[in-house]
């Protein structure tokens, strides 16, 4: 029995490339140019449903609808804009789940922080997302739509995408890599402006490098590893999953990734006041990441209700950064955005689920 390619009977059209949509149109008995029309209306004109693609014959739209084929856009549930213009969107899925995504604007760039899962199984203590556990992983259309939705609401073209929202991207690697391909080829965001952030999974980094090379043809995106501690004992306190993946093994896999891809690794380090931001921690961290192509990105903790961690002072942040620089470590500090509107990942979603009437909607 000949297996019909998935592209010929998709559930959602969003996520398919131009060539795939051409093949899909021909399978439906249409000319290839119909696929190119669908592509334009989804990716450039932002069609949310088949009825909006008026360039298609009504008979074709009706036929696709009857077959259960949809564009695959999400429904906007809520939007909140912080004083610094950071946008948080809550999007509803076809099965009634909620996705959180963030648009972070500056004068020259617009970064979209996308989620890869609904919830998260990793349970990092400083993260609001993991408090509710994992519901499921996101499909390609649900990931790509986050970028399109931010583009529409902010009326600006996104320049960068970071997989730093809800979920662990490496637990949804197929959809993440397919999304990167779509974002690059169909929306025009180059791989070099895309970042995958991971807390670290055993053997996942070498596998990521291999799969990315196979699927994308090259590995140009940035890998960001959420380290958050300079030693195993403290990392296990903050990240429960670290107990089964020692920090020495994680660093070994990071070096393998660098050797395989030629791309440096960025280490994310959330500074928790009085817990991991002392002078001795800075020295430990410098010793840990020295010796191979890497960069440390410091982030000040954004408080969540469920934990008593505190945000370090600016003086302590600067001191920590200076100590790393003195050791020859490439380091930067990422300023927090959206602090007045529940900036921590997953907070707005949890608020919507617990107190749906208390959220602020801006039309």
Protein backbone atom coordinates (compact mmCIF):
# COMPACT_ATOMS: atom_id res chain seq x y z
CA UNK A 1 0.00 0.00 0.00
CA UNK A 2 1.38 3.40 -1.01
CA UNK A 3 1.51 5.85 1.87
CA UNK A 4 0.06 9.24 1.00
CA UNK A 5 2.41 12.05 2.17
CA UNK A 6 1.15 14.01 5.16
CA UNK A 7 1.23 17.23 3.16
CA UNK A 8 -1.65 15.91 1.03
CA UNK A 9 -4.08 15.61 3.91
CA UNK A 10 -3.06 18.22 6.50
CA UNK A 11 -5.29 19.24 9.36
CA UNK A 12 -3.85 22.76 9.31
CA UNK A 13 -2.36 24.74 6.41
CA UNK A 14 -0.33 27.10 8.60
CA UNK A 15 3.14 25.62 8.88
CA UNK A 16 3.29 24.31 5.31
CA UNK A 17 5.76 25.93 2.93
CA UNK A 18 5.09 27.24 -0.56
CA UNK A 19 6.16 24.05 -2.33
CA UNK A 20 4.14 21.90 0.06
CA UNK A 21 1.06 24.05 -0.51
CA UNK A 22 1.54 23.73 -4.26
CA UNK A 23 1.62 19.94 -3.91
CA UNK A 24 -1.44 20.11 -1.67
CA UNK A 25 -3.37 22.16 -4.24
CA UNK A 26 -2.52 19.73 -7.02
CA UNK A 27 -3.62 16.80 -4.86
CA UNK A 28 -6.94 18.61 -4.43
CA UNK A 29 -7.29 18.78 -8.22
CA UNK A 30 -6.27 22.43 -8.52
CA UNK A 31 -3.42 24.17 -10.30
CA UNK A 32 -0.20 24.73 -8.35
CA UNK A 33 -0.73 28.50 -8.30
CA UNK A 34 -3.63 27.96 -5.88
CA UNK A 35 -1.08 26.75 -3.36
CA UNK A 36 0.95 29.92 -3.86
CA UNK A 37 -2.19 31.97 -3.30
CA UNK A 38 -2.90 30.15 -0.05
CA UNK A 39 0.70 30.78 1.01
CA UNK A 40 0.43 34.52 0.36
CA UNK A 41 -2.87 34.90 2.16
CA UNK A 42 -1.73 32.96 5.22
CA UNK A 43 1.79 34.32 5.68
CA UNK A 44 1.59 37.82 4.20
CA UNK A 45 -2.06 38.81 4.54
CA UNK A 46 -2.73 36.97 7.80
CA UNK A 47 -5.88 35.08 6.83
CA UNK A 48 -7.40 33.49 9.91
CA UNK A 49 -9.77 31.11 8.13
CA UNK A 50 -10.53 29.73 4.69
CA UNK A 51 -13.42 32.13 4.15
CA UNK A 52 -11.00 35.05 4.27
CA UNK A 53 -8.98 33.63 1.37
CA UNK A 54 -11.44 35.08 -1.14
CA UNK A 55 -9.09 34.55 -4.07
CA UNK A 56 -9.88 30.83 -3.88
CA UNK A 57 -13.05 29.51 -5.56
CA UNK A 58 -15.87 29.09 -3.07
CA UNK A 59 -16.21 25.47 -4.16
CA UNK A 60 -12.61 24.80 -3.07
CA UNK A 61 -13.06 26.58 0.24
CA UNK A 62 -16.23 24.63 0.92
CA UNK A 63 -14.54 21.35 -0.02
CA UNK A 64 -11.57 21.97 2.31
CA UNK A 65 -13.87 23.00 5.14
CA UNK A 66 -15.95 19.85 4.66
CA UNK A 67 -12.77 17.76 4.90
CA UNK A 68 -11.90 19.37 8.23
CA UNK A 69 -8.93 21.32 6.87
CA UNK A 70 -8.35 24.64 8.62
CA UNK A 71 -5.86 27.49 8.36
CA UNK A 72 -4.82 26.76 11.94
CA UNK A 73 -4.82 30.20 13.56
CA UNK A 74 -5.36 30.66 17.29
CA UNK A 75 -8.03 32.77 19.01
CA UNK A 76 -6.93 35.79 21.02
CA UNK A 77 -8.20 35.53 24.60
CA UNK A 78 -6.43 38.44 26.24
CA UNK A 79 -3.76 41.00 25.58
CA UNK A 80 -1.85 43.07 28.14
CA UNK A 81 0.60 45.86 27.40
CA UNK A 82 3.17 46.90 29.98
CA UNK A 83 4.43 50.45 30.53
CA UNK A 84 7.54 49.65 28.48
CA UNK A 85 5.33 48.50 25.55
CA UNK A 86 6.04 44.81 26.12
CA UNK A 87 3.03 42.83 24.86
CA UNK A 88 1.69 39.65 26.41
CA UNK A 89 -0.84 37.66 24.42
CA UNK A 90 -2.96 34.78 25.64
CA UNK A 91 -4.07 32.60 22.73
CA UNK A 92 -6.71 29.88 22.74
CA UNK A 93 -6.20 26.56 20.94
CA UNK A 94 -8.81 24.49 19.13
CA UNK A 95 -8.97 22.10 22.11
CA UNK A 96 -9.53 24.84 24.67
CA UNK A 97 -5.98 25.23 26.02
CA UNK A 98 -4.19 28.55 26.57
CA UNK A 99 -0.86 29.62 25.09
CA UNK A 100 1.18 32.57 26.30
CA UNK A 101 3.47 34.56 24.03
CA UNK A 102 5.33 37.85 24.43
CA UNK A 103 6.36 40.63 22.07
CA UNK A 104 9.38 42.62 23.26
CA UNK A 105 9.99 45.81 21.26
CA UNK A 106 12.97 48.12 21.10
CA UNK A 107 13.71 50.91 18.66
CA UNK A 108 15.41 48.60 16.17
CA UNK A 109 14.00 45.13 16.83
CA UNK A 110 10.93 43.17 17.84
CA UNK A 111 11.59 39.90 19.63
CA UNK A 112 8.82 37.33 19.98
CA UNK A 113 9.17 34.95 22.92
CA UNK A 114 7.26 31.83 21.88
CA UNK A 115 6.03 28.81 23.81
CA UNK A 116 6.72 25.27 22.62
CA UNK A 117 4.44 23.44 25.06
CA UNK A 118 1.31 24.11 27.09
CA UNK A 119 2.72 24.06 30.59
CA UNK A 120 6.04 22.41 31.34
CA UNK A 121 7.15 19.14 33.01
CA UNK A 122 10.55 20.37 34.20
CA UNK A 123 9.31 22.01 37.43
CA UNK A 124 12.00 24.69 37.78
CA UNK A 125 11.26 26.41 41.08
CA UNK A 126 11.68 29.98 39.81
CA UNK A 127 9.31 29.49 36.86
CA UNK A 128 5.53 29.98 37.00
CA UNK A 129 4.91 27.78 33.96
CA UNK A 130 5.97 24.53 35.60
CA UNK A 131 3.70 25.00 38.61
CA UNK A 132 0.74 23.63 36.66
CA UNK A 133 2.56 20.73 35.00
CA UNK A 134 2.42 19.79 31.33
CA UNK A 135 -0.76 19.58 29.28
CA UNK A 136 0.72 18.81 25.86
CA UNK A 137 3.24 19.91 23.25
CA UNK A 138 2.36 22.47 20.60
CA UNK A 139 1.89 21.78 16.92
CA UNK A 140 3.79 23.72 14.25
CA UNK A 141 0.82 25.95 13.42
CA UNK A 142 0.42 26.87 17.10
CA UNK A 143 4.07 27.91 17.37
CA UNK A 144 4.22 29.87 14.12
CA UNK A 145 0.91 31.60 14.85
CA UNK A 146 2.39 33.19 17.96
CA UNK A 147 4.81 35.12 15.76
CA UNK A 148 2.13 36.10 13.25
CA UNK A 149 -0.23 37.22 16.04
CA UNK A 150 2.40 39.46 17.65
CA UNK A 151 3.15 40.90 14.20
CA UNK A 152 -0.52 41.74 13.71
CA UNK A 153 -1.18 43.21 17.16
CA UNK A 154 1.98 45.32 17.25
CA UNK A 155 1.82 46.15 13.53
CA UNK A 156 5.55 45.52 13.24
CA UNK A 157 7.63 42.87 11.56
CA UNK A 158 9.29 40.59 14.14
CA UNK A 159 13.07 40.50 13.77
CA UNK A 160 13.95 37.82 16.35
CA UNK A 161 12.30 34.74 17.84
CA UNK A 162 13.31 33.07 21.10
CA UNK A 163 11.94 29.72 22.28
CA UNK A 164 11.95 30.89 25.89
CA UNK A 165 8.24 30.81 26.64
CA UNK A 166 6.27 27.98 28.18
CA UNK A 167 7.69 24.48 27.89
CA UNK A 168 10.94 22.64 27.20
CA UNK A 169 11.66 22.93 23.45
CA UNK A 170 13.79 19.79 23.29
CA UNK A 171 10.79 17.73 24.42
CA UNK A 172 9.01 18.94 21.27
CA UNK A 173 11.98 18.95 18.94
CA UNK A 174 10.19 17.92 15.72
CA UNK A 175 7.66 20.76 15.90
CA UNK A 176 10.32 23.23 17.01
CA UNK A 177 12.61 22.44 14.07
CA UNK A 178 9.69 22.48 11.61
CA UNK A 179 8.69 25.85 13.06
CA UNK A 180 12.19 27.23 12.59
CA UNK A 181 12.10 26.13 8.96
CA UNK A 182 8.73 27.85 8.49
CA UNK A 183 9.82 31.02 10.28
CA UNK A 184 12.92 31.20 8.10
CA UNK A 185 11.47 30.26 4.72
CA UNK A 186 7.92 31.58 4.93
CA UNK A 187 8.05 34.54 7.33
CA UNK A 188 11.60 35.66 6.61
CA UNK A 189 13.25 35.44 10.03
CA UNK A 190 16.73 34.03 9.49
CA UNK A 191 18.06 31.21 11.64
CA UNK A 192 20.73 33.48 13.13
CA UNK A 193 17.95 35.51 14.72
CA UNK A 194 16.28 32.50 16.34
CA UNK A 195 17.22 31.09 19.75
CA UNK A 196 16.29 27.74 21.31
CA UNK A 197 16.45 27.75 25.12
CA UNK A 198 16.69 24.49 27.07
CA UNK A 199 17.16 23.53 30.68
CA UNK A 200 19.11 20.51 29.47
CA UNK A 201 18.13 16.90 28.83
CA UNK A 202 20.47 13.92 28.81
CA UNK A 203 21.89 13.28 25.30
CA UNK A 204 19.54 15.89 23.81
CA UNK A 205 22.12 18.45 22.67
CA UNK A 206 24.10 16.17 20.34
CA UNK A 207 20.76 14.90 19.03
CA UNK A 208 19.57 18.46 18.45
CA UNK A 209 22.68 19.23 16.42
CA UNK A 210 22.24 16.10 14.31
CA UNK A 211 18.52 16.59 13.70
CA UNK A 212 18.91 20.28 12.90
CA UNK A 213 21.55 19.50 10.31
CA UNK A 214 19.36 16.81 8.77
CA UNK A 215 16.13 18.83 8.81
CA UNK A 216 17.37 22.37 8.21
CA UNK A 217 20.50 21.69 6.21
CA UNK A 218 22.58 23.86 8.51
CA UNK A 219 22.71 24.89 12.17
CA UNK A 220 22.68 28.66 12.47
CA UNK A 221 20.25 29.28 15.33
CA UNK A 222 21.52 30.10 18.82
CA UNK A 223 21.42 27.52 21.60
CA UNK A 224 20.76 28.94 25.09
CA UNK A 225 21.23 26.57 28.04
CA UNK A 226 19.45 27.49 31.27
CA UNK A 227 22.21 26.91 33.81
CA UNK A 228 21.15 29.08 36.78
CA UNK A 229 23.70 27.53 39.17
CA UNK A 230 27.47 27.01 39.10
CA UNK A 231 27.45 23.61 40.83
CA UNK A 232 25.41 20.42 40.94
CA UNK A 233 24.02 20.76 44.48
CA UNK A 234 22.57 24.22 43.95
CA UNK A 235 21.31 23.36 40.47
CA UNK A 236 19.32 20.44 41.89
CA UNK A 237 17.68 22.81 44.38
CA UNK A 238 16.52 25.08 41.56
CA UNK A 239 15.95 22.53 38.79
CA UNK A 240 14.64 19.13 39.99
CA UNK A 241 15.43 17.40 36.67
CA UNK A 242 19.13 18.19 37.19
CA UNK A 243 19.36 15.27 39.63
CA UNK A 244 19.35 12.86 36.68
CA UNK A 245 21.61 14.96 34.46
CA UNK A 246 24.79 16.11 36.27
CA UNK A 247 26.14 19.52 35.43
CA UNK A 248 29.42 17.94 34.31
CA UNK A 249 27.51 15.87 31.73
CA UNK A 250 25.60 18.94 30.59
CA UNK A 251 28.82 20.90 30.03
CA UNK A 252 30.35 17.93 28.20
CA UNK A 253 27.35 17.84 25.84
CA UNK A 254 27.59 21.60 25.34
CA UNK A 255 31.19 21.20 24.20
CA UNK A 256 30.14 18.43 21.81
CA UNK A 257 27.46 20.72 20.41
CA UNK A 258 30.02 23.49 19.82
CA UNK A 259 32.42 21.06 18.14
CA UNK A 260 29.69 19.68 15.87
CA UNK A 261 28.02 22.95 14.87
CA UNK A 262 30.75 25.57 15.23
CA UNK A 263 28.18 27.70 17.07
CA UNK A 264 28.79 29.06 20.55
CA UNK A 265 26.51 28.20 23.46
CA UNK A 266 24.79 30.91 25.48
CA UNK A 267 24.32 30.14 29.17
CA UNK A 268 21.26 31.68 30.81
CA UNK A 269 21.78 32.47 34.51
CA UNK A 270 18.91 33.85 36.61
CA UNK A 271 20.31 35.78 39.56
CA UNK A 272 18.43 34.97 42.77
CA UNK A 273 19.22 37.40 45.57
CA UNK A 274 21.37 35.80 48.28
CA UNK A 275 21.15 32.33 46.74
CA UNK A 276 23.28 32.10 43.59
CA UNK A 277 24.62 35.64 43.18
CA UNK A 278 27.54 35.70 45.62
CA UNK A 279 31.20 36.26 44.77
CA UNK A 280 32.01 32.58 45.19
CA UNK A 281 29.22 31.68 42.75
CA UNK A 282 30.64 34.05 40.14
CA UNK A 283 34.07 32.43 40.52
CA UNK A 284 32.58 28.93 40.26
CA UNK A 285 30.59 29.91 37.17
CA UNK A 286 33.65 31.41 35.48
CA UNK A 287 35.63 28.22 36.07
CA UNK A 288 32.74 26.10 34.83
CA UNK A 289 32.21 27.77 31.44
CA UNK A 290 35.76 28.80 30.60
CA UNK A 291 37.72 26.99 27.94
CA UNK A 292 35.23 26.78 25.10
CA UNK A 293 33.08 29.00 22.87
CA UNK A 294 30.33 30.37 25.10
CA UNK A 295 28.56 33.42 26.44
CA UNK A 296 26.80 34.08 29.77
CA UNK A 297 23.51 35.97 29.80
CA UNK A 298 22.59 37.23 33.27
CA UNK A 299 18.91 37.73 34.12
CA UNK A 300 17.49 39.26 37.30
CA UNK A 301 14.76 37.14 38.87
CA UNK A 302 11.13 38.16 38.29
CA UNK A 303 9.16 37.25 41.46
CA UNK A 304 6.27 34.78 41.38
CA UNK A 305 3.74 34.24 44.17
CA UNK A 306 4.59 30.59 44.82
CA UNK A 307 8.24 31.14 45.77
CA UNK A 308 10.12 33.37 48.23
CA UNK A 309 13.13 34.02 46.00
CA UNK A 310 14.06 37.68 45.73
CA UNK A 311 15.47 39.91 43.05
CA UNK A 312 19.11 40.96 43.61
CA UNK A 313 20.12 44.60 43.87
CA UNK A 314 21.58 46.37 40.85
CA UNK A 315 24.86 46.71 42.75
CA UNK A 316 25.04 42.94 43.25
CA UNK A 317 24.17 42.31 39.60
CA UNK A 318 26.93 44.62 38.41
CA UNK A 319 29.43 43.07 40.82
CA UNK A 320 28.61 39.56 39.58
CA UNK A 321 28.97 40.69 35.96
CA UNK A 322 32.28 42.42 36.65
CA UNK A 323 33.71 39.29 38.30
CA UNK A 324 32.92 37.21 35.21
CA UNK A 325 34.45 39.83 32.94
CA UNK A 326 37.62 39.88 35.06
CA UNK A 327 37.90 36.13 34.43
CA UNK A 328 37.65 36.67 30.67
CA UNK A 329 34.07 35.40 30.33
CA UNK A 330 31.85 36.97 27.64
CA UNK A 331 28.85 38.19 29.60
CA UNK A 332 25.83 40.44 29.20
CA UNK A 333 22.89 41.45 31.39
CA UNK A 334 19.38 41.14 30.01
CA UNK A 335 17.14 43.82 31.47
CA UNK A 336 13.70 42.64 32.57
CA UNK A 337 10.74 43.73 30.49
CA UNK A 338 7.06 43.98 31.35
CA UNK A 339 7.67 44.05 35.10
CA UNK A 340 4.38 45.83 35.81
CA UNK A 341 2.35 43.17 33.97
CA UNK A 342 3.41 39.79 35.42
CA UNK A 343 6.66 39.49 33.50
CA UNK A 344 7.67 36.00 34.61
CA UNK A 345 6.97 33.25 32.10
CA UNK A 346 3.57 31.65 32.59
CA UNK A 347 2.24 34.14 35.15
CA UNK A 348 -0.43 35.71 32.97
CA UNK A 349 -1.67 32.31 31.84
CA UNK A 350 -1.97 31.08 35.43
CA UNK A 351 -3.78 34.26 36.37
CA UNK A 352 -6.22 33.77 33.48
CA UNK A 353 -6.90 30.18 34.52
CA UNK A 354 -7.39 30.96 38.22
CA UNK A 355 -9.05 34.37 38.04
CA UNK A 356 -10.35 34.88 34.49
CA UNK A 357 -12.32 37.99 35.41
CA UNK A 358 -9.35 39.80 36.90
CA UNK A 359 -7.20 40.08 33.76
CA UNK A 360 -6.88 43.31 31.88
CA UNK A 361 -8.02 43.29 28.27
CA UNK A 362 -6.98 46.04 25.90
CA UNK A 363 -9.00 46.23 22.68
